[in-house]
Amino acid sequence: MREIDAKQITETVAQMCKEAAYYLPDDVYNAMKKARETENRQG
């Protein structure tokens, strides 16, 4: 059975979470931008 270092898994998952929070697909970014503009007009 292959062993994997838990610290390596933790670091990899942490990096993936950071990237997921920072790099948005264009469609998600555009939807959030549109929602922000709509919200500002209503507020």
N, C-alpha and C. Protein backbone atom coordinates (compact mmCIF):
# COMPACT_ATOMS: atom_id res chain seq x y z
N MET A 1 0.85 -1.17 0.00
CA MET A 1 0.00 0.00 0.00
C MET A 1 0.90 1.24 0.00
N ARG A 2 0.52 2.23 -0.77
CA ARG A 2 1.28 3.47 -0.88
C ARG A 2 0.91 4.42 0.26
N GLU A 3 1.89 5.06 0.86
CA GLU A 3 1.65 6.03 1.92
C GLU A 3 1.83 7.44 1.39
N ILE A 4 0.95 8.34 1.83
CA ILE A 4 1.01 9.73 1.42
C ILE A 4 1.12 10.58 2.68
N ASP A 5 2.03 11.52 2.65
CA ASP A 5 2.24 12.41 3.79
C ASP A 5 1.03 13.33 3.97
N ALA A 6 0.44 13.33 5.15
CA ALA A 6 -0.74 14.15 5.43
C ALA A 6 -0.44 15.63 5.26
N LYS A 7 0.78 16.06 5.59
CA LYS A 7 1.15 17.46 5.44
C LYS A 7 1.11 17.87 3.97
N GLN A 8 1.56 16.99 3.10
CA GLN A 8 1.54 17.28 1.66
C GLN A 8 0.10 17.42 1.16
N ILE A 9 -0.78 16.58 1.63
CA ILE A 9 -2.19 16.66 1.24
C ILE A 9 -2.78 17.98 1.73
N THR A 10 -2.51 18.33 2.98
CA THR A 10 -3.03 19.57 3.55
C THR A 10 -2.55 20.79 2.76
N GLU A 11 -1.27 20.82 2.43
CA GLU A 11 -0.72 21.95 1.67
C GLU A 11 -1.32 22.03 0.27
N THR A 12 -1.49 20.88 -0.37
CA THR A 12 -2.06 20.86 -1.72
C THR A 12 -3.51 21.33 -1.70
N VAL A 13 -4.30 20.85 -0.76
CA VAL A 13 -5.70 21.25 -0.66
C VAL A 13 -5.80 22.74 -0.34
N ALA A 14 -4.94 23.24 0.54
CA ALA A 14 -4.94 24.67 0.87
C ALA A 14 -4.65 25.51 -0.37
N GLN A 15 -3.67 25.10 -1.17
CA GLN A 15 -3.34 25.82 -2.39
C GLN A 15 -4.50 25.79 -3.38
N MET A 16 -5.15 24.64 -3.50
CA MET A 16 -6.30 24.53 -4.41
C MET A 16 -7.44 25.45 -3.97
N CYS A 17 -7.67 25.55 -2.67
CA CYS A 17 -8.72 26.44 -2.15
C CYS A 17 -8.40 27.89 -2.46
N LYS A 18 -7.14 28.27 -2.30
CA LYS A 18 -6.74 29.64 -2.61
C LYS A 18 -6.96 29.95 -4.08
N GLU A 19 -6.57 29.03 -4.94
CA GLU A 19 -6.73 29.24 -6.37
C GLU A 19 -8.21 29.30 -6.76
N ALA A 20 -9.03 28.46 -6.16
CA ALA A 20 -10.46 28.45 -6.46
C ALA A 20 -11.11 29.75 -6.03
N ALA A 21 -10.62 30.36 -4.96
CA ALA A 21 -11.19 31.61 -4.48
C ALA A 21 -10.68 32.81 -5.28
N TYR A 22 -9.55 32.68 -5.93
CA TYR A 22 -8.93 33.81 -6.62
C TYR A 22 -9.19 33.80 -8.12
N TYR A 23 -9.08 32.66 -8.74
CA TYR A 23 -9.23 32.56 -10.19
C TYR A 23 -10.64 32.09 -10.54
N LEU A 24 -11.45 33.02 -11.01
CA LEU A 24 -12.83 32.70 -11.37
C LEU A 24 -12.96 32.54 -12.88
N PRO A 25 -13.76 31.58 -13.32
CA PRO A 25 -14.05 31.49 -14.75
C PRO A 25 -14.75 32.76 -15.20
N ASP A 26 -14.60 33.11 -16.47
CA ASP A 26 -15.17 34.35 -16.99
C ASP A 26 -16.67 34.45 -16.75
N ASP A 27 -17.41 33.34 -16.91
CA ASP A 27 -18.85 33.40 -16.74
C ASP A 27 -19.23 33.72 -15.29
N VAL A 28 -18.49 33.18 -14.34
CA VAL A 28 -18.76 33.47 -12.93
C VAL A 28 -18.41 34.92 -12.61
N TYR A 29 -17.27 35.36 -13.09
CA TYR A 29 -16.85 36.75 -12.86
C TYR A 29 -17.88 37.72 -13.44
N ASN A 30 -18.31 37.48 -14.66
CA ASN A 30 -19.28 38.37 -15.31
C ASN A 30 -20.63 38.36 -14.59
N ALA A 31 -21.05 37.21 -14.10
CA ALA A 31 -22.31 37.13 -13.35
C ALA A 31 -22.21 37.92 -12.04
N MET A 32 -21.07 37.83 -11.37
CA MET A 32 -20.90 38.58 -10.13
C MET A 32 -20.83 40.08 -10.41
N LYS A 33 -20.17 40.45 -11.48
CA LYS A 33 -20.08 41.86 -11.86
C LYS A 33 -21.47 42.42 -12.16
N LYS A 34 -22.27 41.66 -12.91
CA LYS A 34 -23.62 42.10 -13.25
C LYS A 34 -24.48 42.22 -11.98
N ALA A 35 -24.35 41.25 -11.08
CA ALA A 35 -25.11 41.29 -9.84
C ALA A 35 -24.73 42.51 -9.01
N ARG A 36 -23.45 42.84 -8.97
CA ARG A 36 -23.00 44.01 -8.21
C ARG A 36 -23.58 45.29 -8.80
N GLU A 37 -23.59 45.38 -10.12
CA GLU A 37 -24.14 46.57 -10.77
C GLU A 37 -25.63 46.69 -10.51
N THR A 38 -26.33 45.59 -10.56
CA THR A 38 -27.78 45.57 -10.31
C THR A 38 -28.05 45.96 -8.85
N GLU A 39 -27.26 45.43 -7.95
CA GLU A 39 -27.45 45.72 -6.54
C GLU A 39 -27.20 47.21 -6.26
N ASN A 40 -26.20 47.80 -6.88
CA ASN A 40 -25.90 49.22 -6.66
C ASN A 40 -27.05 50.11 -7.13
N ARG A 41 -27.71 49.73 -8.20
CA ARG A 41 -28.82 50.54 -8.71
C ARG A 41 -30.03 50.47 -7.79
N GLN A 42 -30.20 49.34 -7.13
CA GLN A 42 -31.36 49.16 -6.26
C GLN A 42 -31.13 49.77 -4.88
N GLY A 43 -29.86 49.85 -4.48
CA GLY A 43 -29.52 50.23 -3.12
C GLY A 43 -29.62 51.68 -2.89
